[in-house]
PDB file of N, CA and C in Angstrom:
ATOM      1  N   HIS A   1      -1.701   1.006   2.145  1.00  0.00           N
ATOM      2  CA  HIS A   1      -2.736   0.798   1.698  1.00  0.00           C
ATOM      3  C   HIS A   1      -3.748   1.109   2.410  1.00  0.00           C
ATOM      4  N   LEU A   2      -4.554   1.891   3.109  1.00  0.00           N
ATOM      5  CA  LEU A   2      -5.094   1.943   4.556  1.00  0.00           C
ATOM      6  C   LEU A   2      -6.618   1.384   4.128  1.00  0.00           C
ATOM      7  N   GLU A   3      -6.878   0.605   5.104  1.00  0.00           N
ATOM      8  CA  GLU A   3      -8.287   0.000   5.905  1.00  0.00           C
ATOM      9  C   GLU A   3      -9.104  -0.440   6.530  1.00  0.00           C
ATOM     10  N   LYS A   4     -10.168  -0.085   6.832  1.00  0.00           N
ATOM     11  CA  LYS A   4     -10.709  -0.520   7.748  1.00  0.00           C
ATOM     12  C   LYS A   4     -10.941  -1.708   8.619  1.00  0.00           C
ATOM     13  N   HIS A   5     -11.100  -2.578   8.964  1.00  0.00           N
ATOM     14  CA  HIS A   5     -11.475  -3.738   9.612  1.00  0.00           C
ATOM     15  C   HIS A   5     -12.387  -3.847  11.151  1.00  0.00           C
ATOM     16  N   PRO A   6     -13.245  -4.842  11.227  1.00  0.00           N
ATOM     17  CA  PRO A   6     -13.846  -4.533  12.277  1.00  0.00           C
ATOM     18  C   PRO A   6     -13.212  -5.343  13.701  1.00  0.00           C
ATOM     19  N   GLY A   7     -11.577  -5.336  13.600  1.00  0.00           N
ATOM     20  CA  GLY A   7     -11.682  -6.200  14.871  1.00  0.00           C
ATOM     21  C   GLY A   7     -10.583  -4.509  15.845  1.00  0.00           C
ATOM     22  N   THR A   8     -10.083  -4.828  17.114  1.00  0.00           N
ATOM     23  CA  THR A   8      -9.523  -3.266  18.000  1.00  0.00           C
ATOM     24  C   THR A   8      -7.974  -3.095  17.550  1.00  0.00           C
ATOM     25  N   ASP A   9      -7.130  -4.237  16.850  1.00  0.00           N
ATOM     26  CA  ASP A   9      -5.572  -4.000  16.998  1.00  0.00           C
ATOM     27  C   ASP A   9      -5.500  -3.341  15.421  1.00  0.00           C
ATOM     28  N   ILE A  10      -4.177  -2.866  14.606  1.00  0.00           N
ATOM     29  CA  ILE A  10      -3.274  -2.532  13.999  1.00  0.00           C
ATOM     30  C   ILE A  10      -3.003  -4.132  13.575  1.00  0.00           C
ATOM     31  N   LYS A  11      -3.216  -3.674  12.008  1.00  0.00           N
ATOM     32  CA  LYS A  11      -2.200  -5.173  11.376  1.00  0.00           C
ATOM     33  C   LYS A  11      -2.093  -4.503  10.486  1.00  0.00           C
ATOM     34  N   ILE A  12      -0.499  -4.789  10.140  1.00  0.00           N
ATOM     35  CA  ILE A  12       0.196  -4.159   8.975  1.00  0.00           C
ATOM     36  C   ILE A  12       1.149  -5.325   8.273  1.00  0.00           C
ATOM     37  N   GLU A  13       0.528  -5.873   7.202  1.00  0.00           N
ATOM     38  CA  GLU A  13       1.324  -6.531   6.309  1.00  0.00           C
ATOM     39  C   GLU A  13       1.487  -6.623   5.017  1.00  0.00           C
ATOM     40  N   GLN A  14       2.350  -7.222   4.101  1.00  0.00           N
ATOM     41  CA  GLN A  14       2.920  -6.595   2.706  1.00  0.00           C
ATOM     42  C   GLN A  14       2.268  -7.853   2.193  1.00  0.00           C
ATOM     43  N   PRO A  15       1.157  -7.608   1.055  1.00  0.00           N
ATOM     44  CA  PRO A  15       0.229  -7.820   0.394  1.00  0.00           C
ATOM     45  C   PRO A  15       1.141  -8.741  -0.723  1.00  0.00           C
ATOM     46  N   PRO A  16       0.850 -10.104  -1.897  1.00  0.00           N
ATOM     47  CA  PRO A  16       1.953 -10.413  -2.732  1.00  0.00           C
ATOM     48  C   PRO A  16       1.562  -9.360  -3.920  1.00  0.00           C
ATOM     49  N   ALA A  17       3.240  -9.949  -4.678  1.00  0.00           N
ATOM     50  CA  ALA A  17       3.056  -8.606  -5.254  1.00  0.00           C
ATOM     51  C   ALA A  17       2.388  -8.945  -6.336  1.00  0.00           C
ATOM     52  N   ASP A  18       1.450  -9.730  -7.168  1.00  0.00           N
ATOM     53  CA  ASP A  18       0.543  -9.326  -7.806  1.00  0.00           C
ATOM     54  C   ASP A  18      -0.545  -8.830  -6.863  1.00  0.00           C
ATOM     55  N   GLU A  19      -1.090  -8.664  -5.877  1.00  0.00           N
ATOM     56  CA  GLU A  19      -2.120  -7.404  -5.530  1.00  0.00           C
ATOM     57  C   GLU A  19      -1.426  -6.312  -5.053  1.00  0.00           C
ATOM     58  N   GLN A  20       0.111  -6.055  -4.854  1.00  0.00           N
ATOM     59  CA  GLN A  20       0.210  -5.216  -4.674  1.00  0.00           C
ATOM     60  C   GLN A  20      -0.033  -4.317  -5.624  1.00  0.00           C
ATOM     61  N   PHE A  21       0.150  -4.686  -7.186  1.00  0.00           N
ATOM     62  CA  PHE A  21      -0.035  -4.111  -8.614  1.00  0.00           C
ATOM     63  C   PHE A  21      -1.090  -2.806  -8.311  1.00  0.00           C
ATOM     64  N   SER A  22      -2.094  -4.307  -7.886  1.00  0.00           N
ATOM     65  CA  SER A  22      -3.500  -4.275  -8.219  1.00  0.00           C
ATOM     66  C   SER A  22      -4.097  -2.836  -7.090  1.00  0.00           C
ATOM     67  N   LEU A  23      -3.758  -2.878  -5.663  1.00  0.00           N
ATOM     68  CA  LEU A  23      -3.693  -1.921  -4.643  1.00  0.00           C
ATOM     69  C   LEU A  23      -3.666  -0.647  -5.510  1.00  0.00           C
ATOM     70  N   LEU A  24      -2.514  -0.447  -5.492  1.00  0.00           N
ATOM     71  CA  LEU A  24      -1.270   0.958  -6.041  1.00  0.00           C
ATOM     72  C   LEU A  24      -2.066   1.374  -7.251  1.00  0.00           C
ATOM     73  N   ARG A  25      -2.643   0.060  -8.325  1.00  0.00           N
ATOM     74  CA  ARG A  25      -2.962   0.891  -9.400  1.00  0.00           C
ATOM     75  C   ARG A  25      -4.629   1.503  -9.133  1.00  0.00           C
ATOM     76  N   SER A  26      -4.982   0.740  -8.132  1.00  0.00           N
ATOM     77  CA  SER A  26      -6.851   1.535  -8.001  1.00  0.00           C
ATOM     78  C   SER A  26      -6.430   2.354  -6.876  1.00  0.00           C
ATOM     79  N   GLU A  27      -5.530   2.882  -6.569  1.00  0.00           N
ATOM     80  CA  GLU A  27      -5.391   4.287  -5.135  1.00  0.00           C
ATOM     81  C   GLU A  27      -5.433   5.391  -6.217  1.00  0.00           C
ATOM     82  N   ILE A  28      -4.170   5.472  -7.295  1.00  0.00           N
ATOM     83  CA  ILE A  28      -3.962   6.216  -8.018  1.00  0.00           C
ATOM     84  C   ILE A  28      -5.216   6.600  -9.205  1.00  0.00           C
ATOM     85  N   CYS A  29      -5.160   6.129 -10.227  1.00  0.00           N
ATOM     86  CA  CYS A  29      -5.576   6.402 -10.705  1.00  0.00           C
ATOM     87  C   CYS A  29      -7.405   5.786 -11.270  1.00  0.00           C
ATOM     88  N   HIS A  30      -8.656   6.253 -11.810  1.00  0.00           N
ATOM     89  CA  HIS A  30      -9.385   4.575 -12.567  1.00  0.00           C
ATOM     90  C   HIS A  30      -9.109   4.129 -13.947  1.00  0.00           C
ATOM     91  N   TRP A  31      -9.329   2.777 -13.561  1.00  0.00           N
ATOM     92  CA  TRP A  31      -8.765   2.215 -14.909  1.00  0.00           C
ATOM     93  C   TRP A  31      -9.513   2.790 -15.656  1.00  0.00           C
ATOM     94  N   GLU A  32     -10.921   2.924 -16.018  1.00  0.00           N
ATOM     95  CA  GLU A  32     -12.236   3.300 -17.117  1.00  0.00           C
ATOM     96  C   GLU A  32     -10.756   4.734 -18.016  1.00  0.00           C
ATOM     97  N   MET A  33     -10.681   5.025 -17.046  1.00  0.00           N
ATOM     98  CA  MET A  33      -9.894   6.550 -17.539  1.00  0.00           C
ATOM     99  C   MET A  33      -8.526   6.583 -18.033  1.00  0.00           C
ATOM    100  N   LEU A  34      -7.897   5.388 -18.020  1.00  0.00           N
ATOM    101  CA  LEU A  34      -6.697   4.542 -18.822  1.00  0.00           C
ATOM    102  C   LEU A  34      -7.428   4.179 -19.850  1.00  0.00           C
ATOM    103  N   ARG A  35      -8.435   3.777 -20.091  1.00  0.00           N
ATOM    104  CA  ARG A  35      -8.326   2.933 -20.886  1.00  0.00           C
ATOM    105  C   ARG A  35      -8.505   3.966 -22.728  1.00  0.00           C
ATOM    106  N   GLY A  36      -9.194   4.925 -22.627  1.00  0.00           N
ATOM    107  CA  GLY A  36      -9.485   6.065 -23.532  1.00  0.00           C
ATOM    108  C   GLY A  36      -8.057   6.717 -23.413  1.00  0.00           C
ATOM    109  N   MET A  37      -7.010   6.688 -23.003  1.00  0.00           N
ATOM    110  CA  MET A  37      -5.573   7.259 -22.987  1.00  0.00           C
ATOM    111  C   MET A  37      -4.152   5.880 -23.377  1.00  0.00           C
ATOM    112  N   PRO A  38      -4.032   5.247 -24.594  1.00  0.00           N
ATOM    113  CA  PRO A  38      -3.447   3.761 -24.571  1.00  0.00           C
ATOM    114  C   PRO A  38      -2.438   4.052 -24.369  1.00  0.00           C
ATOM    115  N   GLU A  39      -1.529   5.409 -24.750  1.00  0.00           N
ATOM    116  CA  GLU A  39      -0.487   5.961 -24.236  1.00  0.00           C
ATOM    117  C   GLU A  39       0.133   6.004 -23.066  1.00  0.00           C
ATOM    118  N   THR A  40      -0.809   6.549 -22.345  1.00  0.00           N
ATOM    119  CA  THR A  40      -0.443   6.900 -21.006  1.00  0.00           C
ATOM    120  C   THR A  40      -1.032   6.017 -20.090  1.00  0.00           C
ATOM    121  N   GLU A  41      -1.668   4.956 -20.698  1.00  0.00           N
ATOM    122  CA  GLU A  41      -1.920   3.976 -20.117  1.00  0.00           C
ATOM    123  C   GLU A  41      -0.684   3.394 -19.814  1.00  0.00           C
ATOM    124  N   LYS A  42       0.176   3.193 -20.817  1.00  0.00           N
ATOM    125  CA  LYS A  42       1.583   2.579 -21.248  1.00  0.00           C
ATOM    126  C   LYS A  42       2.681   2.568 -19.770  1.00  0.00           C
ATOM    127  N   THR A  43       2.343   4.022 -20.167  1.00  0.00           N
ATOM    128  CA  THR A  43       3.517   4.699 -19.262  1.00  0.00           C
ATOM    129  C   THR A  43       3.129   4.524 -17.898  1.00  0.00           C
ATOM    130  N   TYR A  44       1.996   5.450 -17.084  1.00  0.00           N
ATOM    131  CA  TYR A  44       1.538   4.455 -16.189  1.00  0.00           C
ATOM    132  C   TYR A  44       1.802   3.161 -14.958  1.00  0.00           C
ATOM    133  N   LEU A  45       1.507   2.628 -16.561  1.00  0.00           N
ATOM    134  CA  LEU A  45       1.602   0.970 -15.496  1.00  0.00           C
ATOM    135  C   LEU A  45       3.157   0.387 -15.901  1.00  0.00           C
ATOM    136  N   GLY A  46       4.286   1.067 -16.353  1.00  0.00           N
ATOM    137  CA  GLY A  46       5.227   1.210 -16.070  1.00  0.00           C
ATOM    138  C   GLY A  46       6.302   1.642 -14.606  1.00  0.00           C
ATOM    139  N   GLN A  47       5.205   3.327 -14.557  1.00  0.00           N
ATOM    140  CA  GLN A  47       5.528   3.987 -13.409  1.00  0.00           C
ATOM    141  C   GLN A  47       5.159   2.847 -11.827  1.00  0.00           C
ATOM    142  N   ILE A  48       4.016   2.439 -11.884  1.00  0.00           N
ATOM    143  CA  ILE A  48       3.694   1.803 -11.194  1.00  0.00           C
ATOM    144  C   ILE A  48       4.441   0.164 -10.435  1.00  0.00           C
ATOM    145  N   LEU A  49       5.004  -0.137 -12.416  1.00  0.00           N
ATOM    146  CA  LEU A  49       6.271  -1.310 -11.421  1.00  0.00           C
ATOM    147  C   LEU A  49       7.449  -0.617 -11.207  1.00  0.00           C
ATOM    148  N   GLN A  50       8.145   0.396 -11.513  1.00  0.00           N
ATOM    149  CA  GLN A  50       8.652   1.635 -11.062  1.00  0.00           C
ATOM    150  C   GLN A  50       8.700   1.687  -9.477  1.00  0.00           C
ATOM    151  N   MET A  51       7.689   2.212  -9.045  1.00  0.00           N
ATOM    152  CA  MET A  51       7.300   2.487  -7.322  1.00  0.00           C
ATOM    153  C   MET A  51       7.429   1.061  -6.784  1.00  0.00           C
ATOM    154  N   LEU A  52       7.014   0.002  -7.234  1.00  0.00           N
ATOM    155  CA  LEU A  52       6.913  -1.479  -6.115  1.00  0.00           C
ATOM    156  C   LEU A  52       8.611  -1.874  -6.396  1.00  0.00           C
ATOM    157  N   ASN A  53       9.055  -1.492  -7.920  1.00  0.00           N
ATOM    158  CA  ASN A  53      10.806  -2.634  -7.448  1.00  0.00           C
ATOM    159  C   ASN A  53      11.454  -1.401  -6.488  1.00  0.00           C
ATOM    160  N   ALA A  54      11.053   0.297  -6.423  1.00  0.00           N
ATOM    161  CA  ALA A  54      11.675   0.641  -5.229  1.00  0.00           C
ATOM    162  C   ALA A  54      11.541   0.539  -3.950  1.00  0.00           C
ATOM    163  N   LEU A  55      10.065   0.494  -3.581  1.00  0.00           N
ATOM    164  CA  LEU A  55       9.481   0.244  -2.179  1.00  0.00           C
ATOM    165  C   LEU A  55       8.656  -0.783  -2.110  1.00  0.00           C
ATOM    166  N   PRO A  56       8.240  -1.249  -0.463  1.00  0.00           N
ATOM    167  CA  PRO A  56       7.412  -1.404  -0.462  1.00  0.00           C
ATOM    168  C   PRO A  56       6.303  -1.170  -0.513  1.00  0.00           C
ATOM    169  N   LEU A  57       5.224  -2.050  -0.627  1.00  0.00           N
ATOM    170  CA  LEU A  57       3.726  -1.538  -0.247  1.00  0.00           C
ATOM    171  C   LEU A  57       2.809  -2.500   1.027  1.00  0.00           C
ATOM    172  N   LEU A  58       2.998  -1.650   1.606  1.00  0.00           N
ATOM    173  CA  LEU A  58       2.156  -1.978   2.704  1.00  0.00           C
ATOM    174  C   LEU A  58       0.821  -2.025   2.633  1.00  0.00           C
ATOM    175  N   ARG A  59      -0.003  -3.064   3.346  1.00  0.00           N
ATOM    176  CA  ARG A  59      -1.876  -3.232   3.397  1.00  0.00           C
ATOM    177  C   ARG A  59      -1.827  -2.769   5.162  1.00  0.00           C
ATOM    178  N   ILE A  60      -2.602  -1.860   5.411  1.00  0.00           N
ATOM    179  CA  ILE A  60      -2.816  -0.847   6.859  1.00  0.00           C
ATOM    180  C   ILE A  60      -3.973  -1.422   7.524  1.00  0.00           C
ATOM    181  N   LEU A  61      -4.025  -2.407   8.111  1.00  0.00           N
ATOM    182  CA  LEU A  61      -6.007  -2.660   8.712  1.00  0.00           C
ATOM    183  C   LEU A  61      -6.040  -1.959   9.551  1.00  0.00           C
ATOM    184  N   ARG A  62      -7.181  -0.916   9.872  1.00  0.00           N
ATOM    185  CA  ARG A  62      -6.985  -0.250  11.251  1.00  0.00           C
ATOM    186  C   ARG A  62      -8.309  -0.670  11.657  1.00  0.00           C
ATOM    187  N   PRO A  63      -8.356  -0.447  13.061  1.00  0.00           N
ATOM    188  CA  PRO A  63     -10.113  -0.795  13.599  1.00  0.00           C
ATOM    189  C   PRO A  63     -10.334   1.002  13.073  1.00  0.00           C
ATOM    190  N   GLU A  64     -11.775   0.995  13.646  1.00  0.00           N
ATOM    191  CA  GLU A  64     -12.772   2.186  12.969  1.00  0.00           C
ATOM    192  C   GLU A  64     -12.402   3.158  13.863  1.00  0.00           C
ATOM    193  N   THR A  65     -11.855   3.397  15.447  1.00  0.00           N
ATOM    194  CA  THR A  65     -11.751   4.367  16.287  1.00  0.00           C
ATOM    195  C   THR A  65     -10.466   4.738  16.530  1.00  0.00           C
ATOM    196  N   CYS A  66      -9.475   4.351  15.535  1.00  0.00           N
ATOM    197  CA  CYS A  66      -7.718   4.186  15.242  1.00  0.00           C
ATOM    198  C   CYS A  66      -7.363   5.427  15.546  1.00  0.00           C
ATOM    199  N   THR A  67      -6.641   5.877  16.431  1.00  0.00           N
ATOM    200  CA  THR A  67      -5.891   7.587  16.783  1.00  0.00           C
ATOM    201  C   THR A  67      -5.145   7.521  15.388  1.00  0.00           C
ATOM    202  N   ILE A  68      -4.714   9.024  15.001  1.00  0.00           N
ATOM    203  CA  ILE A  68      -3.110   8.757  14.460  1.00  0.00           C
ATOM    204  C   ILE A  68      -1.889   8.749  14.763  1.00  0.00           C
ATOM    205  N   ASN A  69      -1.853   8.972  16.061  1.00  0.00           N
ATOM    206  CA  ASN A  69      -0.755   8.910  16.851  1.00  0.00           C
ATOM    207  C   ASN A  69      -0.822   6.985  17.408  1.00  0.00           C
ATOM    208  N   SER A  70      -1.508   6.239  17.762  1.00  0.00           N
ATOM    209  CA  SER A  70      -1.828   5.294  17.656  1.00  0.00           C
ATOM    210  C   SER A  70      -0.930   4.202  16.351  1.00  0.00           C
ATOM    211  N   LEU A  71      -1.701   4.833  15.207  1.00  0.00           N
ATOM    212  CA  LEU A  71      -1.334   4.209  13.545  1.00  0.00           C
ATOM    213  C   LEU A  71      -0.320   4.794  13.339  1.00  0.00           C
ATOM    214  N   GLN A  72       0.528   5.541  13.449  1.00  0.00           N
ATOM    215  CA  GLN A  72       2.037   6.449  13.798  1.00  0.00           C
ATOM    216  C   GLN A  72       2.915   5.329  14.500  1.00  0.00           C
ATOM    217  N   LEU A  73       2.291   5.132  15.862  1.00  0.00           N
ATOM    218  CA  LEU A  73       3.318   4.161  16.845  1.00  0.00           C
ATOM    219  C   LEU A  73       3.479   2.626  15.778  1.00  0.00           C
ATOM    220  N   SER A  74       2.509   2.551  15.566  1.00  0.00           N
ATOM    221  CA  SER A  74       2.584   1.092  14.974  1.00  0.00           C
ATOM    222  C   SER A  74       2.963   0.823  14.009  1.00  0.00           C
ATOM    223  N   LEU A  75       3.215   1.767  13.100  1.00  0.00           N
ATOM    224  CA  LEU A  75       3.968   1.683  11.839  1.00  0.00           C
ATOM    225  C   LEU A  75       5.386   1.600  11.592  1.00  0.00           C
ATOM    226  N   ALA A  76       5.350   2.676  12.997  1.00  0.00           N
ATOM    227  CA  ALA A  76       7.174   3.254  13.118  1.00  0.00           C
ATOM    228  C   ALA A  76       7.493   1.666  13.912  1.00  0.00           C
ATOM    229  N   GLU A  77       6.870   0.978  14.338  1.00  0.00           N
ATOM    230  CA  GLU A  77       7.470  -0.343  15.294  1.00  0.00           C
ATOM    231  C   GLU A  77       7.603  -0.736  14.031  1.00  0.00           C
ATOM    232  N   TYR A  78       6.122  -1.276  13.325  1.00  0.00           N
ATOM    233  CA  TYR A  78       6.694  -1.892  11.878  1.00  0.00           C
ATOM    234  C   TYR A  78       7.749  -2.256  11.234  1.00  0.00           C
ATOM    235  N   LEU A  79       8.292  -1.070  10.726  1.00  0.00           N
ATOM    236  CA  LEU A  79       9.701  -0.735  10.196  1.00  0.00           C
ATOM    237  C   LEU A  79      10.832  -1.004  10.862  1.00  0.00           C
ATOM    238  N   HIS A  80      10.515  -0.533  11.925  1.00  0.00           N
ATOM    239  CA  HIS A  80      11.648  -0.686  13.092  1.00  0.00           C
ATOM    240  C   HIS A  80      11.966  -2.390  13.081  1.00  0.00           C
ATOM    241  N   ALA A  81      10.960  -2.887  13.637  1.00  0.00           N
ATOM    242  CA  ALA A  81      11.293  -4.711  13.275  1.00  0.00           C
ATOM    243  C   ALA A  81      11.622  -4.921  11.591  1.00  0.00           C
ATOM    244  N   GLN A  82      11.172  -4.615  10.806  1.00  0.00           N
ATOM    245  CA  GLN A  82      11.474  -4.908   9.273  1.00  0.00           C
ATOM    246  C   GLN A  82      13.308  -4.445   9.315  1.00  0.00           C
ATOM    247  N   LYS A  83      13.548  -3.409   9.646  1.00  0.00           N
ATOM    248  CA  LYS A  83      14.824  -2.772   9.242  1.00  0.00           C
ATOM    249  C   LYS A  83      15.856  -3.606  10.506  1.00  0.00           C
ATOM    250  N   GLN A  84      15.438  -4.366  11.357  1.00  0.00           N
ATOM    251  CA  GLN A  84      16.513  -5.078  12.336  1.00  0.00           C
ATOM    252  C   GLN A  84      16.567  -6.570  11.407  1.00  0.00           C
ATOM    253  N   LYS A  85      15.267  -7.085  10.748  1.00  0.00           N
ATOM    254  CA  LYS A  85      15.434  -8.423  10.401  1.00  0.00           C
ATOM    255  C   LYS A  85      16.170  -8.271   9.071  1.00  0.00           C
ATOM    256  N   ALA A  86      16.696  -7.026   8.859  1.00  0.00           N
ATOM    257  CA  ALA A  86      17.222  -7.223   6.796  1.00  0.00           C
ATOM    258  C   ALA A  86      18.924  -7.087   7.512  1.00  0.00           C
ATOM    259  N   LYS A  87      18.592  -6.651   9.054  1.00  0.00           N
ATOM    260  CA  LYS A  87      20.504  -6.672   9.313  1.00  0.00           C
ATOM    261  C   LYS A  87      21.037  -8.028   9.465  1.00  0.00           C
TER     262      LYS A  87
END
């Protein structure tokens, strides 16, 4: 989940599980659209849970003038550090 913030640095964090669900749900489809399709909503919510169980959702806070290269480098460093912690 990518957001802008008023700072000058790039921050990467893993939100709490309940917030991850809300963030992913809001990124993919408008909630109001699903209310009219109960069967689709049930399937959709199940798919969100499957995604969150398979992969971590990250919140990336970036400054207004962040370059793609600096964002890519920060994300690579974060993922490398997480991989080292898991060893």
